[in-house]
Amino acid sequence: AIKDLYKKLSGDDKPGEVNGEYETVPYKTLNKTVLEDLSFEIREYPSVKWACTEMTYEQEDDSSDETAGAKDEWSILRMVQKMMNRSSWKKRPSSKMFMKLFRYISGVNEERQEIEMTTPVLSQMTPMEGNMMKNKMCFYLDSAAQENPPAPETEDVYIEQNEPLKVAVYEFGGYAMSDYVWEAEAASFVEKLGERANSLDTSSFFTAGYDSPMKFWNRRNEVMFQVNN
């Protein structure tokens, strides 16, 4: 039974695929580049509707990786449980934003309409002065809700339709559960791009997470920078 549990949580599915059950925001891959120390692609996302919320907050020192050093199934499970059971976990800005959006799709909206969970959880992160971060988190609204999404019940959740978006995308695995990890991966991406980064807007970056914390391996995380017009 334990082996079956781990197979479901971490087994043979592809990166970012949680038993293949979630609809993913559509996009077109325009080109892929494979270098000696970096692989990335240029994507174009169409104009679609999202449920979004925002927070601006002072960043805490979360540079310690809760899952560092966990090599086997039991150690990873213990680390994840410890991390998510801490009261500080629920107080994190990302956790608060996620729960606002999750309540919206769970039926806490004007029409009491439930909406299927989708992937990825998309955030636009804008570092500011004084160790402040502006974070806009969005859930893609599935095909059934795209045309006429239910109105949010609270002012801090809103429906947004993006303009077509062209981005440079870098994918990486492992756990990306903190601003520190996302910022470090974004900075590494820019550094490896070198002069190619001059064609990107690096004043903010997007993050895309595809997996539940309870999926241990084959995790899919992405950082993206918008391509300048």
C-alpha atoms as a PDB file:
ATOM      1  CA  ALA A   1       0.000   0.000   0.000  1.00  0.00           C
ATOM      2  CA  ILE A   2       2.856   2.363   0.827  1.00  0.00           C
ATOM      3  CA  LYS A   3       4.464   1.669  -2.533  1.00  0.00           C
ATOM      4  CA  ASP A   4       1.171   2.404  -4.272  1.00  0.00           C
ATOM      5  CA  LEU A   5       0.913   5.685  -2.374  1.00  0.00           C
ATOM      6  CA  TYR A   6       4.364   6.793  -3.470  1.00  0.00           C
ATOM      7  CA  LYS A   7       3.667   5.741  -7.038  1.00  0.00           C
ATOM      8  CA  LYS A   8       0.620   8.004  -7.083  1.00  0.00           C
ATOM      9  CA  LEU A   9       2.438  10.894  -5.476  1.00  0.00           C
ATOM     10  CA  SER A  10       5.727  10.703  -7.281  1.00  0.00           C
ATOM     11  CA  GLY A  11       5.926   7.837  -9.685  1.00  0.00           C
ATOM     12  CA  ASP A  12       5.937   7.554 -13.439  1.00  0.00           C
ATOM     13  CA  ASP A  13       4.027  10.670 -14.459  1.00  0.00           C
ATOM     14  CA  LYS A  14       5.765  13.369 -16.442  1.00  0.00           C
ATOM     15  CA  PRO A  15       7.059  16.551 -14.800  1.00  0.00           C
ATOM     16  CA  GLY A  16       4.134  18.757 -13.853  1.00  0.00           C
ATOM     17  CA  GLU A  17       1.538  16.072 -14.520  1.00  0.00           C
ATOM     18  CA  VAL A  18      -0.533  15.212 -11.460  1.00  0.00           C
ATOM     19  CA  ASN A  19      -2.146  11.989 -12.662  1.00  0.00           C
ATOM     20  CA  GLY A  20      -3.020  13.915 -15.827  1.00  0.00           C
ATOM     21  CA  GLU A  21      -6.127  15.378 -14.218  1.00  0.00           C
ATOM     22  CA  TYR A  22      -5.672  19.162 -14.477  1.00  0.00           C
ATOM     23  CA  GLU A  23      -6.294  21.385 -17.490  1.00  0.00           C
ATOM     24  CA  THR A  24      -3.243  23.508 -18.305  1.00  0.00           C
ATOM     25  CA  VAL A  25      -3.231  27.017 -19.728  1.00  0.00           C
ATOM     26  CA  PRO A  26      -2.615  26.814 -23.493  1.00  0.00           C
ATOM     27  CA  TYR A  27       0.557  28.207 -25.064  1.00  0.00           C
ATOM     28  CA  LYS A  28       2.608  27.938 -28.235  1.00  0.00           C
ATOM     29  CA  THR A  29       6.334  27.135 -28.166  1.00  0.00           C
ATOM     30  CA  LEU A  30       7.991  29.428 -30.705  1.00  0.00           C
ATOM     31  CA  ASN A  31      11.536  28.074 -30.365  1.00  0.00           C
ATOM     32  CA  LYS A  32      13.842  26.158 -28.055  1.00  0.00           C
ATOM     33  CA  THR A  33      17.479  26.866 -27.321  1.00  0.00           C
ATOM     34  CA  VAL A  34      19.876  24.304 -25.869  1.00  0.00           C
ATOM     35  CA  LEU A  35      23.250  25.600 -24.703  1.00  0.00           C
ATOM     36  CA  GLU A  36      26.048  23.894 -22.798  1.00  0.00           C
ATOM     37  CA  ASP A  37      24.798  25.116 -19.409  1.00  0.00           C
ATOM     38  CA  LEU A  38      21.236  26.217 -20.189  1.00  0.00           C
ATOM     39  CA  SER A  39      18.095  25.107 -21.990  1.00  0.00           C
ATOM     40  CA  PHE A  40      15.174  27.487 -22.408  1.00  0.00           C
ATOM     41  CA  GLU A  41      12.318  28.249 -24.750  1.00  0.00           C
ATOM     42  CA  ILE A  42      10.339  31.185 -26.068  1.00  0.00           C
ATOM     43  CA  ARG A  43       6.579  30.817 -25.596  1.00  0.00           C
ATOM     44  CA  GLU A  44       3.507  32.769 -26.531  1.00  0.00           C
ATOM     45  CA  TYR A  45       0.454  32.694 -24.286  1.00  0.00           C
ATOM     46  CA  PRO A  46      -2.910  33.714 -25.752  1.00  0.00           C
ATOM     47  CA  SER A  47      -5.364  36.151 -24.200  1.00  0.00           C
ATOM     48  CA  VAL A  48      -7.266  34.155 -21.543  1.00  0.00           C
ATOM     49  CA  LYS A  49      -9.056  34.824 -18.259  1.00  0.00           C
ATOM     50  CA  TRP A  50      -7.554  34.304 -14.814  1.00  0.00           C
ATOM     51  CA  ALA A  51      -8.665  34.696 -11.214  1.00  0.00           C
ATOM     52  CA  CYS A  52      -6.033  36.831  -9.472  1.00  0.00           C
ATOM     53  CA  THR A  53      -5.113  38.385  -6.146  1.00  0.00           C
ATOM     54  CA  GLU A  54      -2.207  40.603  -5.053  1.00  0.00           C
ATOM     55  CA  MET A  55      -0.081  41.313  -2.015  1.00  0.00           C
ATOM     56  CA  THR A  56       2.867  43.594  -1.307  1.00  0.00           C
ATOM     57  CA  TYR A  57       4.959  42.460   1.656  1.00  0.00           C
ATOM     58  CA  GLU A  58       8.343  42.543   3.298  1.00  0.00           C
ATOM     59  CA  GLN A  59      10.317  39.451   2.467  1.00  0.00           C
ATOM     60  CA  GLU A  60      11.472  37.217   5.273  1.00  0.00           C
ATOM     61  CA  ASP A  61      14.743  35.338   5.343  1.00  0.00           C
ATOM     62  CA  ASP A  62      13.598  31.988   4.000  1.00  0.00           C
ATOM     63  CA  SER A  63      16.887  30.996   2.416  1.00  0.00           C
ATOM     64  CA  SER A  64      16.973  27.696   4.296  1.00  0.00           C
ATOM     65  CA  ASP A  65      15.470  24.923   2.168  1.00  0.00           C
ATOM     66  CA  GLU A  66      13.103  22.797   4.235  1.00  0.00           C
ATOM     67  CA  THR A  67      13.632  19.784   1.963  1.00  0.00           C
ATOM     68  CA  ALA A  68      17.421  20.025   1.712  1.00  0.00           C
ATOM     69  CA  GLY A  69      19.163  16.762   2.441  1.00  0.00           C
ATOM     70  CA  ALA A  70      16.026  14.646   2.159  1.00  0.00           C
ATOM     71  CA  LYS A  71      16.996  11.787  -0.108  1.00  0.00           C
ATOM     72  CA  ASP A  72      14.550   8.931   0.510  1.00  0.00           C
ATOM     73  CA  GLU A  73      10.754   8.728   0.522  1.00  0.00           C
ATOM     74  CA  TRP A  74      10.277   8.827   4.283  1.00  0.00           C
ATOM     75  CA  SER A  75      12.629  11.748   4.866  1.00  0.00           C
ATOM     76  CA  ILE A  76      10.953  13.796   2.123  1.00  0.00           C
ATOM     77  CA  LEU A  77       7.498  12.966   3.495  1.00  0.00           C
ATOM     78  CA  ARG A  78       8.554  13.968   7.014  1.00  0.00           C
ATOM     79  CA  MET A  79      10.096  17.208   5.746  1.00  0.00           C
ATOM     80  CA  VAL A  80       6.982  18.163   3.765  1.00  0.00           C
ATOM     81  CA  GLN A  81       4.660  17.365   6.657  1.00  0.00           C
ATOM     82  CA  LYS A  82       6.801  19.389   9.065  1.00  0.00           C
ATOM     83  CA  MET A  83       6.947  22.297   6.643  1.00  0.00           C
ATOM     84  CA  MET A  84       3.189  22.422   5.975  1.00  0.00           C
ATOM     85  CA  ASN A  85       2.130  21.878   9.601  1.00  0.00           C
ATOM     86  CA  ARG A  86       4.045  24.899  10.864  1.00  0.00           C
ATOM     87  CA  SER A  87       1.779  27.831  11.699  1.00  0.00           C
ATOM     88  CA  SER A  88       4.206  30.123   9.873  1.00  0.00           C
ATOM     89  CA  TRP A  89       3.492  28.197   6.653  1.00  0.00           C
ATOM     90  CA  LYS A  90      -0.163  29.280   6.658  1.00  0.00           C
ATOM     91  CA  LYS A  91       0.837  32.875   7.380  1.00  0.00           C
ATOM     92  CA  ARG A  92       3.149  33.140   4.375  1.00  0.00           C
ATOM     93  CA  PRO A  93       1.908  35.614   1.730  1.00  0.00           C
ATOM     94  CA  SER A  94       1.952  32.900  -0.958  1.00  0.00           C
ATOM     95  CA  SER A  95      -0.175  30.604   1.229  1.00  0.00           C
ATOM     96  CA  LYS A  96      -2.675  33.392   1.947  1.00  0.00           C
ATOM     97  CA  MET A  97      -2.986  34.276  -1.749  1.00  0.00           C
ATOM     98  CA  PHE A  98      -3.349  30.640  -2.759  1.00  0.00           C
ATOM     99  CA  MET A  99      -6.162  30.097  -0.260  1.00  0.00           C
ATOM    100  CA  LYS A 100      -8.033  33.215  -1.436  1.00  0.00           C
ATOM    101  CA  LEU A 101      -7.999  31.871  -4.997  1.00  0.00           C
ATOM    102  CA  PHE A 102      -8.747  28.328  -3.911  1.00  0.00           C
ATOM    103  CA  ARG A 103     -11.817  29.486  -1.987  1.00  0.00           C
ATOM    104  CA  TYR A 104     -12.996  31.343  -5.094  1.00  0.00           C
ATOM    105  CA  ILE A 105     -12.814  28.253  -7.333  1.00  0.00           C
ATOM    106  CA  SER A 106     -14.314  26.130  -4.524  1.00  0.00           C
ATOM    107  CA  GLY A 107     -17.570  28.073  -4.779  1.00  0.00           C
ATOM    108  CA  VAL A 108     -17.009  31.117  -2.568  1.00  0.00           C
ATOM    109  CA  ASN A 109     -18.180  33.443  -5.355  1.00  0.00           C
ATOM    110  CA  GLU A 110     -21.393  35.268  -6.261  1.00  0.00           C
ATOM    111  CA  GLU A 111     -22.826  32.323  -8.200  1.00  0.00           C
ATOM    112  CA  ARG A 112     -21.653  29.629  -5.734  1.00  0.00           C
ATOM    113  CA  GLN A 113     -20.123  27.937  -8.784  1.00  0.00           C
ATOM    114  CA  GLU A 114     -17.265  25.484  -8.397  1.00  0.00           C
ATOM    115  CA  ILE A 115     -14.436  25.655 -10.930  1.00  0.00           C
ATOM    116  CA  GLU A 116     -11.937  22.901 -11.604  1.00  0.00           C
ATOM    117  CA  MET A 117      -8.356  23.392 -10.413  1.00  0.00           C
ATOM    118  CA  THR A 118      -5.920  24.040 -13.265  1.00  0.00           C
ATOM    119  CA  THR A 119      -2.183  24.399 -13.775  1.00  0.00           C
ATOM    120  CA  PRO A 120       0.006  26.237 -13.350  1.00  0.00           C
ATOM    121  CA  VAL A 121      -0.301  28.513 -10.350  1.00  0.00           C
ATOM    122  CA  LEU A 122       1.135  31.625 -11.984  1.00  0.00           C
ATOM    123  CA  SER A 123       2.678  34.546 -10.115  1.00  0.00           C
ATOM    124  CA  GLN A 124       4.206  37.795 -11.295  1.00  0.00           C
ATOM    125  CA  MET A 125       6.845  38.886  -8.804  1.00  0.00           C
ATOM    126  CA  THR A 126       8.213  42.433  -8.747  1.00  0.00           C
ATOM    127  CA  PRO A 127      11.076  43.106  -6.309  1.00  0.00           C
ATOM    128  CA  MET A 128      10.860  46.581  -4.765  1.00  0.00           C
ATOM    129  CA  GLU A 129      13.028  48.799  -2.590  1.00  0.00           C
ATOM    130  CA  GLY A 130      13.474  48.062   1.090  1.00  0.00           C
ATOM    131  CA  ASN A 131      13.269  44.262   0.697  1.00  0.00           C
ATOM    132  CA  MET A 132       9.630  44.534  -0.384  1.00  0.00           C
ATOM    133  CA  MET A 133       7.979  42.246  -2.926  1.00  0.00           C
ATOM    134  CA  LYS A 134       4.853  42.819  -5.006  1.00  0.00           C
ATOM    135  CA  ASN A 135       3.286  39.490  -5.889  1.00  0.00           C
ATOM    136  CA  LYS A 136       0.282  38.877  -8.149  1.00  0.00           C
ATOM    137  CA  MET A 137      -0.897  35.254  -8.063  1.00  0.00           C
ATOM    138  CA  CYS A 138      -3.380  33.880 -10.589  1.00  0.00           C
ATOM    139  CA  PHE A 139      -5.275  30.675 -11.341  1.00  0.00           C
ATOM    140  CA  TYR A 140      -6.091  29.987 -14.993  1.00  0.00           C
ATOM    141  CA  LEU A 141      -9.858  29.569 -15.395  1.00  0.00           C
ATOM    142  CA  ASP A 142     -10.665  26.301 -17.133  1.00  0.00           C
ATOM    143  CA  SER A 143     -12.446  26.040 -20.491  1.00  0.00           C
ATOM    144  CA  ALA A 144     -15.866  25.695 -18.866  1.00  0.00           C
ATOM    145  CA  ALA A 145     -15.427  28.983 -16.965  1.00  0.00           C
ATOM    146  CA  GLN A 146     -13.598  31.054 -19.596  1.00  0.00           C
ATOM    147  CA  GLU A 147     -16.595  32.618 -21.313  1.00  0.00           C
ATOM    148  CA  ASN A 148     -18.562  33.633 -18.231  1.00  0.00           C
ATOM    149  CA  PRO A 149     -16.613  33.198 -14.964  1.00  0.00           C
ATOM    150  CA  PRO A 150     -18.524  33.753 -11.712  1.00  0.00           C
ATOM    151  CA  ALA A 151     -17.988  37.123 -10.072  1.00  0.00           C
ATOM    152  CA  PRO A 152     -15.701  37.047  -7.007  1.00  0.00           C
ATOM    153  CA  GLU A 153     -17.390  37.655  -3.684  1.00  0.00           C
ATOM    154  CA  THR A 154     -14.538  39.718  -2.232  1.00  0.00           C
ATOM    155  CA  GLU A 155     -12.677  42.734  -3.605  1.00  0.00           C
ATOM    156  CA  ASP A 156      -9.254  41.159  -3.157  1.00  0.00           C
ATOM    157  CA  VAL A 157      -9.969  38.528  -5.841  1.00  0.00           C
ATOM    158  CA  TYR A 158     -10.602  39.742  -9.374  1.00  0.00           C
ATOM    159  CA  ILE A 159     -10.966  38.383 -12.914  1.00  0.00           C
ATOM    160  CA  GLU A 160      -8.323  39.477 -15.403  1.00  0.00           C
ATOM    161  CA  GLN A 161      -7.883  38.807 -19.105  1.00  0.00           C
ATOM    162  CA  ASN A 162      -4.253  39.076 -20.124  1.00  0.00           C
ATOM    163  CA  GLU A 163      -2.910  40.517 -23.349  1.00  0.00           C
ATOM    164  CA  PRO A 164      -1.058  37.950 -25.503  1.00  0.00           C
ATOM    165  CA  LEU A 165       2.240  37.368 -23.722  1.00  0.00           C
ATOM    166  CA  LYS A 166       5.621  36.321 -25.127  1.00  0.00           C
ATOM    167  CA  VAL A 167       8.097  35.017 -22.555  1.00  0.00           C
ATOM    168  CA  ALA A 168      11.476  33.323 -22.190  1.00  0.00           C
ATOM    169  CA  VAL A 169      11.002  30.243 -20.003  1.00  0.00           C
ATOM    170  CA  TYR A 170      13.436  28.229 -17.894  1.00  0.00           C
ATOM    171  CA  GLU A 171      12.225  24.973 -16.333  1.00  0.00           C
ATOM    172  CA  PHE A 172      13.719  23.352 -13.240  1.00  0.00           C
ATOM    173  CA  GLY A 173      12.809  20.569 -10.831  1.00  0.00           C
ATOM    174  CA  GLY A 174      12.753  20.114  -7.072  1.00  0.00           C
ATOM    175  CA  TYR A 175      10.825  22.139  -4.508  1.00  0.00           C
ATOM    176  CA  ALA A 176      10.228  25.855  -5.152  1.00  0.00           C
ATOM    177  CA  MET A 177       8.196  26.777  -2.095  1.00  0.00           C
ATOM    178  CA  SER A 178       9.687  30.159  -1.203  1.00  0.00           C
ATOM    179  CA  ASP A 179      10.452  33.540  -2.755  1.00  0.00           C
ATOM    180  CA  TYR A 180      14.141  32.865  -2.136  1.00  0.00           C
ATOM    181  CA  VAL A 181      14.159  29.827  -4.446  1.00  0.00           C
ATOM    182  CA  TRP A 182      12.209  31.595  -7.203  1.00  0.00           C
ATOM    183  CA  GLU A 183      14.451  34.678  -7.058  1.00  0.00           C
ATOM    184  CA  ALA A 184      17.617  32.592  -7.087  1.00  0.00           C
ATOM    185  CA  GLU A 185      16.464  30.608 -10.149  1.00  0.00           C
ATOM    186  CA  ALA A 186      15.379  33.792 -11.950  1.00  0.00           C
ATOM    187  CA  ALA A 187      18.739  35.456 -11.246  1.00  0.00           C
ATOM    188  CA  SER A 188      20.614  32.354 -12.421  1.00  0.00           C
ATOM    189  CA  PHE A 189      18.552  32.297 -15.631  1.00  0.00           C
ATOM    190  CA  VAL A 190      19.419  35.937 -16.383  1.00  0.00           C
ATOM    191  CA  GLU A 191      23.095  35.354 -15.613  1.00  0.00           C
ATOM    192  CA  LYS A 192      23.305  32.360 -17.946  1.00  0.00           C
ATOM    193  CA  LEU A 193      21.476  34.224 -20.703  1.00  0.00           C
ATOM    194  CA  GLY A 194      24.196  36.887 -20.719  1.00  0.00           C
ATOM    195  CA  GLU A 195      23.598  39.482 -23.453  1.00  0.00           C
ATOM    196  CA  ARG A 196      20.463  37.639 -24.541  1.00  0.00           C
ATOM    197  CA  ALA A 197      18.802  39.010 -21.401  1.00  0.00           C
ATOM    198  CA  ASN A 198      18.914  42.511 -22.951  1.00  0.00           C
ATOM    199  CA  SER A 199      15.831  41.585 -24.971  1.00  0.00           C
ATOM    200  CA  LEU A 200      13.848  40.800 -21.807  1.00  0.00           C
ATOM    201  CA  ASP A 201      12.024  42.869 -19.201  1.00  0.00           C
ATOM    202  CA  THR A 202      13.893  41.872 -16.050  1.00  0.00           C
ATOM    203  CA  SER A 203      12.155  44.352 -13.727  1.00  0.00           C
ATOM    204  CA  SER A 204       9.766  41.538 -12.783  1.00  0.00           C
ATOM    205  CA  PHE A 205       9.482  37.830 -13.471  1.00  0.00           C
ATOM    206  CA  PHE A 206       6.801  35.180 -13.630  1.00  0.00           C
ATOM    207  CA  THR A 207       6.797  31.904 -11.726  1.00  0.00           C
ATOM    208  CA  ALA A 208       4.780  28.830 -12.650  1.00  0.00           C
ATOM    209  CA  GLY A 209       4.271  25.902 -10.290  1.00  0.00           C
ATOM    210  CA  TYR A 210       2.559  22.763 -11.565  1.00  0.00           C
ATOM    211  CA  ASP A 211       2.628  20.336  -8.651  1.00  0.00           C
ATOM    212  CA  SER A 212       1.144  19.667  -5.242  1.00  0.00           C
ATOM    213  CA  PRO A 213       3.647  19.739  -2.354  1.00  0.00           C
ATOM    214  CA  MET A 214       2.844  16.038  -1.947  1.00  0.00           C
ATOM    215  CA  LYS A 215       4.401  15.143  -5.272  1.00  0.00           C
ATOM    216  CA  PHE A 216       8.003  14.291  -4.486  1.00  0.00           C
ATOM    217  CA  TRP A 217       9.785  13.746  -7.811  1.00  0.00           C
ATOM    218  CA  ASN A 218       9.456  14.840 -11.431  1.00  0.00           C
ATOM    219  CA  ARG A 219       8.355  18.242 -10.215  1.00  0.00           C
ATOM    220  CA  ARG A 220       7.935  21.031 -12.765  1.00  0.00           C
ATOM    221  CA  ASN A 221       8.704  24.660 -11.928  1.00  0.00           C
ATOM    222  CA  GLU A 222       9.307  27.515 -14.355  1.00  0.00           C
ATOM    223  CA  VAL A 223      10.581  31.074 -14.230  1.00  0.00           C
ATOM    224  CA  MET A 224       9.756  33.419 -17.103  1.00  0.00           C
ATOM    225  CA  PHE A 225      10.696  36.900 -18.294  1.00  0.00           C
ATOM    226  CA  GLN A 226       8.577  38.865 -20.722  1.00  0.00           C
ATOM    227  CA  VAL A 227      10.179  39.482 -24.113  1.00  0.00           C
ATOM    228  CA  ASN A 228      10.382  43.198 -24.925  1.00  0.00           C
ATOM    229  CA  ASN A 229       8.292  44.360 -27.870  1.00  0.00           C
END
